[in-house]
Protein backbone atom coordinates (compact mmCIF):
# COMPACT_ATOMS: atom_id res chain seq x y z
CA MET A 1 40.35 -7.18 -115.87
CA LEU A 2 39.20 -4.33 -113.78
CA SER A 3 41.85 -2.19 -112.29
CA TRP A 4 41.43 -0.07 -109.14
CA ALA A 5 40.99 3.06 -111.28
CA ASP A 6 38.10 1.19 -113.20
CA VAL A 7 36.45 0.31 -109.78
CA SER A 8 36.83 3.85 -108.65
CA ARG A 9 35.11 5.04 -111.80
CA ALA A 10 32.20 2.59 -111.29
CA LEU A 11 31.88 3.58 -107.72
CA THR A 12 31.93 7.32 -108.57
CA GLY A 13 28.79 6.44 -110.82
CA THR A 14 26.91 4.31 -108.20
CA VAL A 15 27.65 5.94 -104.83
CA PRO A 16 25.53 9.00 -105.63
CA LEU A 17 22.56 6.71 -106.23
CA TYR A 18 22.79 5.65 -102.69
CA ILE A 19 23.10 9.15 -101.33
CA ALA A 20 19.75 9.92 -102.92
CA LEU A 21 18.33 6.57 -101.61
CA MET A 22 19.45 7.41 -98.07
CA LEU A 23 18.04 10.99 -98.34
CA GLY A 24 14.60 9.47 -99.35
CA TYR A 25 14.84 6.84 -96.63
CA GLY A 26 15.66 9.36 -93.96
CA SER A 27 13.01 11.74 -95.03
CA VAL A 28 10.53 9.24 -93.94
CA ARG A 29 12.08 7.06 -91.24
CA TRP A 30 13.86 10.04 -89.48
CA TRP A 31 12.50 13.30 -90.38
CA ARG A 32 8.87 12.30 -91.10
CA THR A 33 8.84 14.68 -94.26
CA PHE A 34 6.83 12.31 -96.69
CA THR A 35 3.73 10.14 -96.65
CA ALA A 36 2.64 7.27 -98.79
CA GLU A 37 0.58 9.78 -100.78
CA HIS A 38 3.83 11.77 -101.39
CA CYS A 39 5.54 8.65 -102.62
CA ASP A 40 2.83 7.86 -105.14
CA GLY A 41 2.86 11.44 -106.23
CA ILE A 42 6.67 11.47 -106.90
CA ASN A 43 6.62 8.05 -108.62
CA ARG A 44 3.88 9.29 -110.88
CA MET A 45 5.89 12.34 -111.86
CA VAL A 46 8.89 10.33 -112.59
CA CYS A 47 6.78 7.74 -114.49
CA PHE A 48 4.85 9.97 -116.80
CA PHE A 49 7.06 13.12 -117.02
CA ILE A 50 10.77 12.60 -116.30
CA ILE A 51 11.16 9.11 -117.89
CA PRO A 52 9.53 10.14 -121.16
CA LEU A 53 11.60 13.29 -121.46
CA PHE A 54 14.69 11.16 -120.68
CA SER A 55 13.66 8.48 -123.16
CA PHE A 56 13.16 11.07 -125.87
CA GLN A 57 16.46 12.80 -125.18
CA PHE A 58 18.44 9.58 -125.13
CA THR A 59 16.95 7.98 -128.21
CA ALA A 60 17.09 11.32 -130.28
CA ALA A 61 20.71 11.58 -129.46
CA HIS A 62 21.93 7.94 -129.84
CA ALA A 63 19.43 6.05 -132.04
CA ASP A 64 21.09 5.08 -135.31
CA PRO A 65 19.59 2.15 -137.14
CA PHE A 66 22.22 2.52 -139.88
CA GLU A 67 25.23 1.83 -137.37
CA THR A 68 23.72 -0.72 -135.35
CA ASN A 69 25.13 -4.31 -134.58
CA TYR A 70 21.97 -6.44 -135.42
CA SER A 71 23.67 -9.60 -134.33
CA VAL A 72 23.97 -8.33 -130.82
CA ILE A 73 20.35 -7.06 -131.06
CA ALA A 74 19.29 -10.56 -132.18
CA ALA A 75 21.11 -12.28 -129.36
CA ASP A 76 19.38 -10.01 -126.91
CA ALA A 77 16.03 -10.75 -128.55
CA ILE A 78 16.58 -14.48 -128.47
CA SER A 79 17.47 -14.43 -124.70
CA LYS A 80 14.17 -12.53 -123.99
CA ILE A 81 12.22 -14.99 -126.00
CA LEU A 82 13.94 -17.76 -124.09
CA ALA A 83 13.12 -15.84 -120.78
CA VAL A 84 9.33 -15.74 -121.72
CA PHE A 85 9.25 -19.34 -122.40
CA LEU A 86 11.13 -20.31 -119.36
CA ILE A 87 9.12 -18.18 -116.97
CA ALA A 88 5.77 -19.41 -118.45
CA VAL A 89 6.91 -22.88 -117.77
CA TRP A 90 7.85 -22.10 -114.24
CA ALA A 91 4.56 -20.16 -113.55
CA LYS A 92 2.49 -23.15 -114.90
CA PHE A 93 4.01 -25.54 -112.41
CA CYS A 94 4.32 -23.23 -109.51
CA ARG A 95 1.49 -22.58 -107.00
CA VAL A 96 1.26 -18.76 -107.37
CA THR A 97 -2.03 -16.82 -107.25
CA ASP A 98 -0.86 -14.12 -109.72
CA ARG A 99 0.61 -15.99 -112.53
CA ALA A 100 0.39 -13.20 -114.96
CA GLY A 101 2.00 -10.75 -112.55
CA TRP A 102 4.88 -13.25 -111.76
CA CYS A 103 5.48 -13.69 -115.44
CA ILE A 104 5.95 -9.96 -115.85
CA THR A 105 8.10 -9.70 -112.83
CA GLY A 106 10.24 -12.56 -113.92
CA PHE A 107 10.66 -11.28 -117.30
CA SER A 108 11.72 -7.81 -116.08
CA LEU A 109 14.09 -9.33 -113.48
CA CYS A 110 15.80 -11.65 -116.16
CA THR A 111 16.09 -9.25 -118.93
CA LEU A 112 15.91 -5.47 -118.01
CA THR A 113 19.24 -3.93 -116.78
CA ASN A 114 20.85 -0.71 -115.80
CA LEU A 115 22.78 -0.43 -119.00
CA LEU A 116 23.73 3.24 -118.83
CA LEU A 117 24.60 4.20 -115.16
CA VAL A 118 26.47 1.04 -114.26
CA GLY A 119 26.84 -0.60 -117.74
CA VAL A 120 28.65 1.98 -119.76
CA PRO A 121 31.35 2.70 -117.21
CA VAL A 122 32.13 -0.91 -116.61
CA ALA A 123 32.06 -1.55 -120.42
CA LYS A 124 34.31 1.32 -121.11
CA SER A 125 36.97 0.23 -118.51
CA MET A 126 37.02 -3.29 -119.88
CA TYR A 127 36.42 -3.05 -123.64
CA GLY A 128 37.02 0.55 -124.56
CA GLN A 129 34.70 2.26 -127.22
CA LEU A 130 33.42 -0.99 -128.63
CA GLY A 131 31.80 -1.77 -125.25
CA ILE A 132 30.30 1.76 -124.99
CA ASP A 133 28.79 1.57 -128.58
CA LEU A 134 27.15 -1.84 -127.93
CA LEU A 135 25.64 -0.92 -124.59
CA ILE A 136 24.33 2.39 -125.90
CA GLN A 137 22.70 0.35 -128.94
CA LEU A 138 21.04 -2.11 -126.53
CA SER A 139 19.95 0.80 -124.24
CA VAL A 140 18.16 2.33 -127.36
CA VAL A 141 16.41 -0.94 -127.98
CA GLN A 142 15.52 -1.37 -124.39
CA ALA A 143 13.94 2.05 -124.21
CA THR A 144 12.16 1.96 -127.58
CA LEU A 145 11.10 -1.66 -127.67
CA TRP A 146 11.31 -3.72 -124.37
CA PHE A 147 10.03 -1.11 -121.95
CA PRO A 148 7.08 -0.26 -124.23
CA ILE A 149 6.32 -4.12 -124.41
CA LEU A 150 6.57 -4.21 -120.77
CA LEU A 151 4.05 -1.40 -120.32
CA CYS A 152 1.59 -3.19 -122.63
CA PHE A 153 1.51 -6.11 -120.45
CA LEU A 154 1.25 -3.96 -117.21
CA GLU A 155 -1.54 -2.05 -118.68
CA LEU A 156 -3.33 -5.33 -119.86
CA ARG A 157 -2.99 -6.80 -116.29
CA LYS A 158 -4.25 -3.50 -114.61
CA SER A 159 -7.21 -3.15 -116.91
CA PHE A 160 -8.10 -6.78 -116.20
CA GLN A 161 -7.94 -6.06 -112.50
CA ASP A 162 -10.06 -2.92 -112.81
CA LYS A 163 -12.75 -4.85 -114.64
CA GLU A 164 -12.59 -7.47 -111.94
CA SER A 165 -12.85 -4.87 -109.08
CA SER A 166 -15.95 -3.51 -110.83
CA ARG A 167 -17.52 -6.85 -111.31
CA ASN A 168 -16.83 -7.88 -107.81
CA GLY A 169 -18.15 -4.69 -106.08
CA SER A 170 -15.83 -2.79 -103.68
CA LEU A 171 -12.86 -5.16 -103.78
CA PRO A 172 -9.65 -3.35 -104.46
CA SER A 173 -7.71 -4.67 -107.58
CA SER A 174 -4.69 -5.71 -105.46
CA ASP A 175 -6.82 -8.25 -103.50
CA VAL A 176 -8.23 -9.90 -106.64
CA GLU A 177 -6.62 -13.13 -107.75
CA LYS A 178 -5.46 -12.88 -111.31
CA ASP A 179 -4.77 -16.38 -113.02
CA SER A 180 -5.21 -15.57 -116.75
CA PHE A 181 -5.35 -12.23 -118.55
CA VAL A 182 -8.79 -12.47 -120.14
CA ASP A 183 -11.80 -14.46 -119.09
CA PRO A 184 -14.12 -14.84 -122.28
CA THR A 185 -17.12 -15.81 -120.24
CA THR A 186 -17.34 -12.57 -118.42
CA ARG A 187 -16.12 -9.94 -120.70
CA SER A 188 -15.19 -9.13 -124.28
CA GLN A 189 -11.60 -9.46 -125.25
CA TRP A 190 -11.94 -6.79 -127.75
CA SER A 191 -13.21 -4.31 -125.17
CA LEU A 192 -10.42 -5.01 -122.99
CA PHE A 193 -7.87 -4.61 -125.72
CA LYS A 194 -9.52 -1.32 -126.75
CA ILE A 195 -9.23 -0.06 -123.21
CA VAL A 196 -5.50 -1.10 -123.01
CA GLY A 197 -4.88 0.45 -126.53
CA TRP A 198 -6.31 3.78 -125.35
CA LYS A 199 -4.40 3.91 -122.34
CA LEU A 200 -1.07 3.18 -124.23
CA ALA A 201 -2.10 5.72 -126.84
CA VAL A 202 -2.08 8.49 -124.16
CA ASN A 203 0.95 7.10 -122.23
CA PRO A 204 3.92 9.55 -122.92
CA ASN A 205 6.39 6.72 -122.34
CA ILE A 206 5.15 5.11 -125.68
CA TYR A 207 5.39 8.03 -128.07
CA ALA A 208 8.40 9.71 -126.59
CA CYS A 209 10.54 6.81 -127.75
CA VAL A 210 8.86 6.93 -131.21
CA PHE A 211 9.37 10.65 -131.57
CA GLY A 212 12.90 10.16 -130.36
CA VAL A 213 13.64 7.70 -133.00
CA ILE A 214 11.92 9.69 -135.78
CA TRP A 215 14.02 12.71 -134.84
CA ALA A 216 17.22 10.75 -134.73
CA ILE A 217 16.63 9.42 -138.23
CA ILE A 218 15.61 12.75 -139.70
CA SER A 219 18.43 14.71 -137.96
CA ARG A 220 21.10 12.27 -139.23
CA ARG A 221 19.76 12.35 -142.79
CA ARG A 222 19.36 15.90 -142.94
CA LYS A 223 22.32 16.93 -140.69
CA LEU A 224 19.85 18.69 -138.26
CA LYS A 225 20.60 19.80 -134.73
CA MET A 226 17.95 20.13 -132.07
CA PRO A 227 17.31 23.83 -131.10
CA GLU A 228 19.22 24.74 -128.00
CA ILE A 229 15.90 26.04 -126.16
CA VAL A 230 14.17 22.75 -126.85
CA ASP A 231 17.18 20.68 -125.63
CA ASP A 232 17.61 22.81 -122.41
CA SER A 233 13.81 22.46 -121.76
CA ILE A 234 13.97 18.70 -121.95
CA GLN A 235 17.16 18.47 -120.08
CA ILE A 236 16.03 20.43 -117.14
CA LEU A 237 13.69 17.59 -116.07
CA SER A 238 15.26 14.55 -117.74
CA LYS A 239 18.49 14.96 -115.71
CA ALA A 240 16.69 14.62 -112.54
CA GLY A 241 15.18 11.24 -113.37
CA ILE A 242 17.71 8.84 -111.86
CA GLY A 243 18.24 10.84 -108.62
CA THR A 244 14.47 11.25 -108.02
CA ALA A 245 13.74 7.59 -108.70
CA MET A 246 16.48 6.55 -106.15
CA PHE A 247 15.09 9.00 -103.66
CA ASN A 248 11.46 7.52 -104.19
CA ILE A 249 12.84 3.93 -103.91
CA GLY A 250 14.37 5.20 -100.41
CA ILE A 251 10.87 6.58 -99.38
CA PHE A 252 9.30 3.27 -100.29
CA MET A 253 11.79 1.21 -98.33
CA ALA A 254 11.36 3.47 -95.24
CA MET A 255 7.61 2.75 -95.28
CA GLN A 256 8.12 -0.96 -95.23
CA ARG A 257 8.33 -3.00 -92.02
CA LYS A 258 11.71 -4.47 -93.13
CA VAL A 259 14.45 -3.31 -95.33
CA ILE A 260 14.09 -6.34 -97.40
CA ALA A 261 10.37 -5.77 -97.76
CA CYS A 262 9.81 -8.93 -100.09
CA GLY A 263 11.53 -11.32 -97.76
CA THR A 264 14.79 -12.99 -97.90
CA LYS A 265 13.81 -15.96 -100.04
CA VAL A 266 12.02 -13.86 -102.75
CA ALA A 267 15.04 -11.45 -102.82
CA ILE A 268 17.42 -14.37 -103.24
CA PHE A 269 15.18 -15.70 -106.10
CA ALA A 270 15.05 -12.16 -107.70
CA LEU A 271 18.81 -11.96 -107.63
CA VAL A 272 19.35 -15.36 -109.07
CA LEU A 273 17.01 -14.38 -112.00
CA ARG A 274 19.10 -11.24 -112.44
CA PHE A 275 22.70 -12.52 -112.06
CA VAL A 276 22.43 -16.15 -113.05
CA VAL A 277 19.38 -16.90 -115.37
CA GLY A 278 19.54 -13.69 -117.36
CA PRO A 279 23.34 -14.19 -118.29
CA ALA A 280 22.78 -17.83 -119.07
CA LEU A 281 19.85 -16.99 -121.36
CA THR A 282 21.90 -14.37 -123.10
CA THR A 283 24.87 -16.75 -123.49
CA LEU A 284 22.50 -19.00 -125.33
CA GLY A 285 21.26 -16.28 -127.61
CA ALA A 286 24.78 -15.02 -128.31
CA LEU A 287 26.03 -18.46 -129.25
CA ALA A 288 22.90 -19.05 -131.38
CA VAL A 289 23.76 -16.04 -133.65
CA GLY A 290 27.50 -16.86 -133.68
CA LEU A 291 28.94 -14.06 -131.58
CA HIS A 292 32.56 -14.46 -130.66
CA GLY A 293 35.59 -12.71 -129.07
CA GLY A 294 34.98 -9.22 -127.40
CA VAL A 295 31.54 -8.83 -128.73
CA LEU A 296 30.44 -12.11 -127.11
CA GLN A 297 32.11 -11.05 -123.83
CA ILE A 298 30.27 -7.70 -123.86
CA THR A 299 26.83 -9.28 -124.65
CA ILE A 300 27.07 -11.55 -121.71
CA ILE A 301 28.44 -8.79 -119.37
CA GLN A 302 25.64 -6.46 -120.17
CA ALA A 303 23.17 -9.33 -119.04
CA ALA A 304 24.89 -9.49 -115.66
CA LEU A 305 24.38 -5.65 -114.94
CA PRO A 306 22.09 -4.81 -111.93
CA GLN A 307 18.34 -4.21 -112.35
CA ALA A 308 17.04 -1.32 -114.24
CA ILE A 309 15.81 1.55 -112.00
CA THR A 310 13.07 2.18 -114.25
CA THR A 311 11.35 -1.25 -113.50
CA PHE A 312 10.67 -0.20 -110.03
CA ILE A 313 9.07 3.00 -111.11
CA PHE A 314 6.59 1.05 -113.39
CA ALA A 315 6.10 -1.64 -110.79
CA LYS A 316 5.22 1.03 -108.22
CA GLU A 317 2.85 2.82 -110.67
CA TYR A 318 1.12 -0.44 -111.61
CA GLY A 319 1.04 -1.92 -108.20
CA LEU A 320 3.14 -5.11 -109.29
CA HIS A 321 5.75 -6.46 -106.74
CA ALA A 322 7.37 -2.92 -105.95
CA ASP A 323 8.95 -4.55 -102.94
CA VAL A 324 10.75 -7.07 -105.24
CA PHE A 325 12.09 -4.53 -107.52
CA SER A 326 13.23 -2.22 -104.87
CA THR A 327 15.21 -5.10 -103.40
CA ALA A 328 16.58 -6.07 -106.85
CA VAL A 329 17.61 -2.54 -107.59
CA VAL A 330 19.26 -1.63 -104.22
CA PHE A 331 20.89 -4.86 -103.29
CA GLY A 332 21.55 -5.94 -106.93
CA THR A 333 23.62 -2.70 -107.58
CA LEU A 334 25.50 -3.34 -104.33
CA VAL A 335 26.45 -6.82 -105.28
CA SER A 336 26.98 -6.15 -109.05
CA LEU A 337 30.62 -5.00 -109.12
CA PRO A 338 31.91 -8.29 -107.68
CA VAL A 339 29.64 -10.20 -109.88
CA LEU A 340 30.79 -8.37 -112.96
CA VAL A 341 34.44 -8.93 -112.16
CA ALA A 342 33.87 -12.61 -111.77
CA TYR A 343 32.05 -12.83 -115.00
CA CYS A 344 34.85 -10.98 -116.62
CA ALA A 345 37.50 -13.19 -115.15
CA ALA A 346 35.62 -16.33 -116.21
CA LEU A 347 34.98 -15.25 -119.65
CA GLN A 348 38.61 -14.33 -120.21
CA VAL A 349 39.65 -17.79 -118.97
CA ILE A 350 37.26 -19.61 -120.95
CA GLN A 351 38.27 -17.69 -124.24
CA GLY A 352 41.93 -17.63 -123.55
């Protein structure tokens, strides 16, 4: 169970996020410093410069395929496959205009969590080094596999929208209804995938993780150390990532009519996906591969962490429900601590 000292450590890691958030909010709402164009520019800098540098630095330092708990990784993968199936069924029977977009959003809300900033301090306080090791391993997989897969679908959706906009004249892509990714009667699937493939090939978020894993394997095999000048050059920007992202969320929220820009019902739906559906699916995946004891508890707890900040950055860049993700990040992080305590207590009672 979390002690007051553990709670204090968790707050120490999360309160600075809200300082950055409030500075961003105040810079628009009270001081009129930034505009919507500035918000887009900051978001693009974070998306294409800071996040790739952070991903490279993190994977280069922590990726180790020879010391990975593949049972936990398998449980996590099964939960994500279940999430895809569940969301696809939901989208099929729900009346939504942008089914593909809501499938991507639902998957992100169910499965992509803030493993490092919130997860590691909580896991350390409850499970010690084992918790830290497992969350870092899951963070590496999230950065190198699941975020690139998310980017693939975001690029595919955006490319389809751009083609629809061109075909329909001057309609902006955000106003076009999107009910399936590819319409074979109006365009070549191969042409669309070539466009997506090229965009992904030049997206630094993709190859930053690949280079990070390659360097991690080589450095461990050959006992190499990254040159200090290179490491410092990367860190000078990568360290600014989380704070800048939260600052930008604050700017975005200040530009909306309401603090909960997506509406109360959608916000509740997003939080249910994050804190109920995600952990439930992860529990099924963990039981399916036979996890037990502390490893089982850690696997479930990490699925109940707040929303990954990176998902807002990608959502804003690709024009997909940024209002939903800003709400999920800000309010999800606020309620995450009592939720995690409740999950921890329940797991300890269930497992004796």
